[in-house]
Amino acid sequence: MAGERAAIFGQFIEGLSESELGAAEREETYRILLEVLEEFDIKGMEGYLDIDPAFDEVWNEKYPPEIEDFEE
């Protein structure tokens, strides 16, 4: 089931990224959608990064990438 949801979500991102909505409107849509999806297993959703920069922005706000501290 989680895989099916992820596939549907990916199709949604692709469709929204091709729409005439501006980045701010898409970001708000993604924020709301991620709030709803917290009730489900959202593992694997990071596989949909790099489709729409607006989604990447919202995803990275909600789930900041881990920064590795490299010492020389």
PDB file of N, CA and C in Angstrom:
ATOM      1  N   MET A   1       0.817  -1.207   0.000  1.00  0.00           N
ATOM      2  CA  MET A   1       0.000   0.000   0.000  1.00  0.00           C
ATOM      3  C   MET A   1       0.855   1.263   0.000  1.00  0.00           C
ATOM      4  N   ALA A   2       1.907   1.297   0.820  1.00  0.00           N
ATOM      5  CA  ALA A   2       2.735   2.501   0.886  1.00  0.00           C
ATOM      6  C   ALA A   2       3.349   2.800  -0.476  1.00  0.00           C
ATOM      7  N   GLY A   3       3.750   1.767  -1.211  1.00  0.00           N
ATOM      8  CA  GLY A   3       4.320   1.964  -2.541  1.00  0.00           C
ATOM      9  C   GLY A   3       3.314   2.556  -3.509  1.00  0.00           C
ATOM     10  N   GLU A   4       2.056   2.101  -3.401  1.00  0.00           N
ATOM     11  CA  GLU A   4       1.006   2.640  -4.271  1.00  0.00           C
ATOM     12  C   GLU A   4       0.764   4.112  -3.965  1.00  0.00           C
ATOM     13  N   ARG A   5       0.751   4.444  -2.677  1.00  0.00           N
ATOM     14  CA  ARG A   5       0.559   5.847  -2.289  1.00  0.00           C
ATOM     15  C   ARG A   5       1.712   6.698  -2.807  1.00  0.00           C
ATOM     16  N   ALA A   6       2.924   6.164  -2.691  1.00  0.00           N
ATOM     17  CA  ALA A   6       4.094   6.907  -3.160  1.00  0.00           C
ATOM     18  C   ALA A   6       4.014   7.149  -4.663  1.00  0.00           C
ATOM     19  N   ALA A   7       3.564   6.160  -5.415  1.00  0.00           N
ATOM     20  CA  ALA A   7       3.434   6.315  -6.864  1.00  0.00           C
ATOM     21  C   ALA A   7       2.398   7.382  -7.208  1.00  0.00           C
ATOM     22  N   ILE A   8       1.294   7.370  -6.505  1.00  0.00           N
ATOM     23  CA  ILE A   8       0.248   8.377  -6.727  1.00  0.00           C
ATOM     24  C   ILE A   8       0.784   9.760  -6.385  1.00  0.00           C
ATOM     25  N   PHE A   9       1.525   9.846  -5.294  1.00  0.00           N
ATOM     26  CA  PHE A   9       2.102  11.116  -4.876  1.00  0.00           C
ATOM     27  C   PHE A   9       3.080  11.628  -5.930  1.00  0.00           C
ATOM     28  N   GLY A  10       3.881  10.738  -6.481  1.00  0.00           N
ATOM     29  CA  GLY A  10       4.821  11.125  -7.530  1.00  0.00           C
ATOM     30  C   GLY A  10       4.112  11.671  -8.751  1.00  0.00           C
ATOM     31  N   GLN A  11       3.022  11.035  -9.133  1.00  0.00           N
ATOM     32  CA  GLN A  11       2.238  11.515 -10.274  1.00  0.00           C
ATOM     33  C   GLN A  11       1.652  12.890  -9.972  1.00  0.00           C
ATOM     34  N   PHE A  12       1.225  13.082  -8.736  1.00  0.00           N
ATOM     35  CA  PHE A  12       0.672  14.371  -8.327  1.00  0.00           C
ATOM     36  C   PHE A  12       1.733  15.467  -8.443  1.00  0.00           C
ATOM     37  N   ILE A  13       2.947  15.184  -7.956  1.00  0.00           N
ATOM     38  CA  ILE A  13       4.029  16.170  -8.031  1.00  0.00           C
ATOM     39  C   ILE A  13       4.335  16.510  -9.487  1.00  0.00           C
ATOM     40  N   GLU A  14       4.433  15.497 -10.320  1.00  0.00           N
ATOM     41  CA  GLU A  14       4.722  15.740 -11.735  1.00  0.00           C
ATOM     42  C   GLU A  14       3.639  16.608 -12.369  1.00  0.00           C
ATOM     43  N   GLY A  15       2.381  16.296 -12.088  1.00  0.00           N
ATOM     44  CA  GLY A  15       1.280  17.071 -12.648  1.00  0.00           C
ATOM     45  C   GLY A  15       1.272  18.502 -12.152  1.00  0.00           C
ATOM     46  N   LEU A  16       1.501  18.678 -10.859  1.00  0.00           N
ATOM     47  CA  LEU A  16       1.488  20.022 -10.287  1.00  0.00           C
ATOM     48  C   LEU A  16       2.669  20.838 -10.800  1.00  0.00           C
ATOM     49  N   SER A  17       3.818  20.194 -10.975  1.00  0.00           N
ATOM     50  CA  SER A  17       4.997  20.924 -11.464  1.00  0.00           C
ATOM     51  C   SER A  17       4.787  21.427 -12.888  1.00  0.00           C
ATOM     52  N   GLU A  18       3.932  20.755 -13.642  1.00  0.00           N
ATOM     53  CA  GLU A  18       3.653  21.158 -15.021  1.00  0.00           C
ATOM     54  C   GLU A  18       2.473  22.123 -15.115  1.00  0.00           C
ATOM     55  N   SER A  19       1.837  22.401 -13.989  1.00  0.00           N
ATOM     56  CA  SER A  19       0.673  23.288 -13.994  1.00  0.00           C
ATOM     57  C   SER A  19       1.123  24.744 -14.107  1.00  0.00           C
ATOM     58  N   GLU A  20       0.143  25.620 -14.204  1.00  0.00           N
ATOM     59  CA  GLU A  20       0.438  27.040 -14.320  1.00  0.00           C
ATOM     60  C   GLU A  20       0.530  27.724 -12.960  1.00  0.00           C
ATOM     61  N   LEU A  21       0.447  26.950 -11.875  1.00  0.00           N
ATOM     62  CA  LEU A  21       0.570  27.534 -10.543  1.00  0.00           C
ATOM     63  C   LEU A  21       1.992  28.022 -10.312  1.00  0.00           C
ATOM     64  N   GLY A  22       2.110  29.094  -9.563  1.00  0.00           N
ATOM     65  CA  GLY A  22       3.433  29.606  -9.221  1.00  0.00           C
ATOM     66  C   GLY A  22       4.077  28.766  -8.125  1.00  0.00           C
ATOM     67  N   ALA A  23       5.359  28.990  -7.890  1.00  0.00           N
ATOM     68  CA  ALA A  23       6.103  28.217  -6.895  1.00  0.00           C
ATOM     69  C   ALA A  23       5.491  28.366  -5.503  1.00  0.00           C
ATOM     70  N   ALA A  24       5.083  29.567  -5.123  1.00  0.00           N
ATOM     71  CA  ALA A  24       4.516  29.785  -3.788  1.00  0.00           C
ATOM     72  C   ALA A  24       3.227  28.983  -3.604  1.00  0.00           C
ATOM     73  N   GLU A  25       2.390  28.942  -4.618  1.00  0.00           N
ATOM     74  CA  GLU A  25       1.137  28.178  -4.533  1.00  0.00           C
ATOM     75  C   GLU A  25       1.413  26.683  -4.463  1.00  0.00           C
ATOM     76  N   ARG A  26       2.399  26.224  -5.240  1.00  0.00           N
ATOM     77  CA  ARG A  26       2.750  24.801  -5.193  1.00  0.00           C
ATOM     78  C   ARG A  26       3.341  24.439  -3.836  1.00  0.00           C
ATOM     79  N   GLU A  27       4.196  25.319  -3.292  1.00  0.00           N
ATOM     80  CA  GLU A  27       4.776  25.055  -1.976  1.00  0.00           C
ATOM     81  C   GLU A  27       3.685  24.918  -0.924  1.00  0.00           C
ATOM     82  N   GLU A  28       2.706  25.803  -0.939  1.00  0.00           N
ATOM     83  CA  GLU A  28       1.611  25.731   0.037  1.00  0.00           C
ATOM     84  C   GLU A  28       0.831  24.433  -0.130  1.00  0.00           C
ATOM     85  N   THR A  29       0.583  24.028  -1.357  1.00  0.00           N
ATOM     86  CA  THR A  29      -0.105  22.763  -1.620  1.00  0.00           C
ATOM     87  C   THR A  29       0.690  21.600  -1.049  1.00  0.00           C
ATOM     88  N   TYR A  30       1.999  21.598  -1.262  1.00  0.00           N
ATOM     89  CA  TYR A  30       2.846  20.512  -0.751  1.00  0.00           C
ATOM     90  C   TYR A  30       2.886  20.503   0.778  1.00  0.00           C
ATOM     91  N   ARG A  31       2.907  21.690   1.400  1.00  0.00           N
ATOM     92  CA  ARG A  31       2.901  21.747   2.872  1.00  0.00           C
ATOM     93  C   ARG A  31       1.650  21.064   3.425  1.00  0.00           C
ATOM     94  N   ILE A  32       0.512  21.408   2.858  1.00  0.00           N
ATOM     95  CA  ILE A  32      -0.748  20.817   3.312  1.00  0.00           C
ATOM     96  C   ILE A  32      -0.742  19.315   3.070  1.00  0.00           C
ATOM     97  N   LEU A  33      -0.292  18.911   1.906  1.00  0.00           N
ATOM     98  CA  LEU A  33      -0.266  17.490   1.572  1.00  0.00           C
ATOM     99  C   LEU A  33       0.653  16.710   2.509  1.00  0.00           C
ATOM    100  N   LEU A  34       1.826  17.252   2.826  1.00  0.00           N
ATOM    101  CA  LEU A  34       2.733  16.547   3.733  1.00  0.00           C
ATOM    102  C   LEU A  34       2.152  16.435   5.137  1.00  0.00           C
ATOM    103  N   GLU A  35       1.393  17.455   5.575  1.00  0.00           N
ATOM    104  CA  GLU A  35       0.718  17.365   6.872  1.00  0.00           C
ATOM    105  C   GLU A  35      -0.255  16.195   6.887  1.00  0.00           C
ATOM    106  N   VAL A  36      -1.015  16.055   5.826  1.00  0.00           N
ATOM    107  CA  VAL A  36      -1.975  14.952   5.727  1.00  0.00           C
ATOM    108  C   VAL A  36      -1.241  13.614   5.671  1.00  0.00           C
ATOM    109  N   LEU A  37      -0.163  13.558   4.907  1.00  0.00           N
ATOM    110  CA  LEU A  37       0.567  12.305   4.726  1.00  0.00           C
ATOM    111  C   LEU A  37       1.307  11.844   5.976  1.00  0.00           C
ATOM    112  N   GLU A  38       1.474  12.722   6.971  1.00  0.00           N
ATOM    113  CA  GLU A  38       2.121  12.299   8.209  1.00  0.00           C
ATOM    114  C   GLU A  38       1.345  11.180   8.881  1.00  0.00           C
ATOM    115  N   GLU A  39       0.079  11.067   8.568  1.00  0.00           N
ATOM    116  CA  GLU A  39      -0.741   9.994   9.119  1.00  0.00           C
ATOM    117  C   GLU A  39      -0.410   8.651   8.481  1.00  0.00           C
ATOM    118  N   PHE A  40       0.304   8.682   7.367  1.00  0.00           N
ATOM    119  CA  PHE A  40       0.649   7.472   6.627  1.00  0.00           C
ATOM    120  C   PHE A  40       2.155   7.282   6.652  1.00  0.00           C
ATOM    121  N   ASP A  41       2.590   6.192   6.125  1.00  0.00           N
ATOM    122  CA  ASP A  41       4.015   5.905   6.004  1.00  0.00           C
ATOM    123  C   ASP A  41       4.552   6.655   4.797  1.00  0.00           C
ATOM    124  N   ILE A  42       5.370   7.665   5.038  1.00  0.00           N
ATOM    125  CA  ILE A  42       5.861   8.467   3.920  1.00  0.00           C
ATOM    126  C   ILE A  42       7.290   8.106   3.532  1.00  0.00           C
ATOM    127  N   LYS A  43       7.779   6.985   4.015  1.00  0.00           N
ATOM    128  CA  LYS A  43       9.123   6.562   3.626  1.00  0.00           C
ATOM    129  C   LYS A  43       9.170   6.369   2.119  1.00  0.00           C
ATOM    130  N   GLY A  44      10.258   6.786   1.541  1.00  0.00           N
ATOM    131  CA  GLY A  44      10.416   6.654   0.100  1.00  0.00           C
ATOM    132  C   GLY A  44       9.978   7.885  -0.668  1.00  0.00           C
ATOM    133  N   MET A  45       9.332   8.821  -0.011  1.00  0.00           N
ATOM    134  CA  MET A  45       8.881  10.019  -0.713  1.00  0.00           C
ATOM    135  C   MET A  45      10.054  10.868  -1.180  1.00  0.00           C
ATOM    136  N   GLU A  46      11.204  10.774  -0.489  1.00  0.00           N
ATOM    137  CA  GLU A  46      12.351  11.560  -0.926  1.00  0.00           C
ATOM    138  C   GLU A  46      12.810  11.142  -2.325  1.00  0.00           C
ATOM    139  N   GLY A  47      12.335  10.012  -2.788  1.00  0.00           N
ATOM    140  CA  GLY A  47      12.621   9.586  -4.157  1.00  0.00           C
ATOM    141  C   GLY A  47      11.994  10.509  -5.193  1.00  0.00           C
ATOM    142  N   TYR A  48      11.097  11.382  -4.758  1.00  0.00           N
ATOM    143  CA  TYR A  48      10.435  12.305  -5.674  1.00  0.00           C
ATOM    144  C   TYR A  48      11.040  13.700  -5.641  1.00  0.00           C
ATOM    145  N   LEU A  49      12.189  13.835  -4.992  1.00  0.00           N
ATOM    146  CA  LEU A  49      12.895  15.107  -5.046  1.00  0.00           C
ATOM    147  C   LEU A  49      13.434  15.296  -6.460  1.00  0.00           C
ATOM    148  N   ASP A  50      13.703  16.504  -6.806  1.00  0.00           N
ATOM    149  CA  ASP A  50      14.246  16.884  -8.114  1.00  0.00           C
ATOM    150  C   ASP A  50      13.219  16.831  -9.239  1.00  0.00           C
ATOM    151  N   ILE A  51      11.936  16.668  -8.922  1.00  0.00           N
ATOM    152  CA  ILE A  51      10.890  16.770  -9.945  1.00  0.00           C
ATOM    153  C   ILE A  51      10.434  18.220 -10.019  1.00  0.00           C
ATOM    154  N   ASP A  52      10.181  18.795  -8.842  1.00  0.00           N
ATOM    155  CA  ASP A  52       9.681  20.163  -8.756  1.00  0.00           C
ATOM    156  C   ASP A  52      10.445  20.872  -7.643  1.00  0.00           C
ATOM    157  N   PRO A  53      11.155  21.950  -7.942  1.00  0.00           N
ATOM    158  CA  PRO A  53      11.900  22.669  -6.908  1.00  0.00           C
ATOM    159  C   PRO A  53      11.018  23.124  -5.744  1.00  0.00           C
ATOM    160  N   ALA A  54       9.747  23.403  -6.000  1.00  0.00           N
ATOM    161  CA  ALA A  54       8.835  23.814  -4.926  1.00  0.00           C
ATOM    162  C   ALA A  54       8.643  22.677  -3.925  1.00  0.00           C
ATOM    163  N   PHE A  55       8.529  21.435  -4.411  1.00  0.00           N
ATOM    164  CA  PHE A  55       8.410  20.289  -3.507  1.00  0.00           C
ATOM    165  C   PHE A  55       9.708  20.101  -2.734  1.00  0.00           C
ATOM    166  N   ASP A  56      10.839  20.225  -3.410  1.00  0.00           N
ATOM    167  CA  ASP A  56      12.136  20.082  -2.741  1.00  0.00           C
ATOM    168  C   ASP A  56      12.246  21.066  -1.581  1.00  0.00           C
ATOM    169  N   GLU A  57      11.821  22.302  -1.809  1.00  0.00           N
ATOM    170  CA  GLU A  57      11.887  23.342  -0.783  1.00  0.00           C
ATOM    171  C   GLU A  57      11.063  22.959   0.442  1.00  0.00           C
ATOM    172  N   VAL A  58       9.835  22.535   0.220  1.00  0.00           N
ATOM    173  CA  VAL A  58       8.947  22.159   1.321  1.00  0.00           C
ATOM    174  C   VAL A  58       9.475  20.917   2.035  1.00  0.00           C
ATOM    175  N   TRP A  59       9.918  19.920   1.278  1.00  0.00           N
ATOM    176  CA  TRP A  59      10.441  18.680   1.872  1.00  0.00           C
ATOM    177  C   TRP A  59      11.643  18.993   2.766  1.00  0.00           C
ATOM    178  N   ASN A  60      12.565  19.811   2.266  1.00  0.00           N
ATOM    179  CA  ASN A  60      13.767  20.120   3.032  1.00  0.00           C
ATOM    180  C   ASN A  60      13.482  20.985   4.250  1.00  0.00           C
ATOM    181  N   GLU A  61      12.417  21.783   4.207  1.00  0.00           N
ATOM    182  CA  GLU A  61      11.988  22.529   5.397  1.00  0.00           C
ATOM    183  C   GLU A  61      11.488  21.568   6.464  1.00  0.00           C
ATOM    184  N   LYS A  62      10.653  20.621   6.038  1.00  0.00           N
ATOM    185  CA  LYS A  62      10.017  19.692   6.973  1.00  0.00           C
ATOM    186  C   LYS A  62      10.979  18.605   7.433  1.00  0.00           C
ATOM    187  N   TYR A  63      11.810  18.134   6.532  1.00  0.00           N
ATOM    188  CA  TYR A  63      12.765  17.058   6.824  1.00  0.00           C
ATOM    189  C   TYR A  63      14.154  17.514   6.389  1.00  0.00           C
ATOM    190  N   PRO A  64      14.787  18.383   7.199  1.00  0.00           N
ATOM    191  CA  PRO A  64      16.097  18.910   6.792  1.00  0.00           C
ATOM    192  C   PRO A  64      17.108  17.784   6.566  1.00  0.00           C
ATOM    193  N   PRO A  65      17.889  17.916   5.505  1.00  0.00           N
ATOM    194  CA  PRO A  65      18.905  16.893   5.261  1.00  0.00           C
ATOM    195  C   PRO A  65      19.941  16.926   6.374  1.00  0.00           C
ATOM    196  N   GLU A  66      20.437  15.752   6.723  1.00  0.00           N
ATOM    197  CA  GLU A  66      21.457  15.691   7.759  1.00  0.00           C
ATOM    198  C   GLU A  66      22.754  16.255   7.192  1.00  0.00           C
ATOM    199  N   ILE A  67      23.369  17.102   7.975  1.00  0.00           N
ATOM    200  CA  ILE A  67      24.636  17.693   7.560  1.00  0.00           C
ATOM    201  C   ILE A  67      25.745  16.951   8.287  1.00  0.00           C
ATOM    202  N   GLU A  68      26.637  16.399   7.507  1.00  0.00           N
ATOM    203  CA  GLU A  68      27.754  15.682   8.100  1.00  0.00           C
ATOM    204  C   GLU A  68      28.888  16.664   8.320  1.00  0.00           C
ATOM    205  N   ASP A  69      29.458  16.601   9.500  1.00  0.00           N
ATOM    206  CA  ASP A  69      30.557  17.483   9.854  1.00  0.00           C
ATOM    207  C   ASP A  69      31.864  16.790   9.501  1.00  0.00           C
ATOM    208  N   PHE A  70      32.529  17.268   8.491  1.00  0.00           N
ATOM    209  CA  PHE A  70      33.785  16.663   8.066  1.00  0.00           C
ATOM    210  C   PHE A  70      34.949  17.418   8.702  1.00  0.00           C
ATOM    211  N   GLU A  71      35.811  16.677   9.337  1.00  0.00           N
ATOM    212  CA  GLU A  71      37.007  17.282   9.910  1.00  0.00           C
ATOM    213  C   GLU A  71      38.191  16.895   9.056  1.00  0.00           C
ATOM    214  N   GLU A  72      39.061  17.872   8.818  1.00  0.00           N
ATOM    215  CA  GLU A  72      40.239  17.576   8.003  1.00  0.00           C
ATOM    216  C   GLU A  72      41.422  17.292   8.877  1.00  0.00           C
TER     217      GLU A  72
END
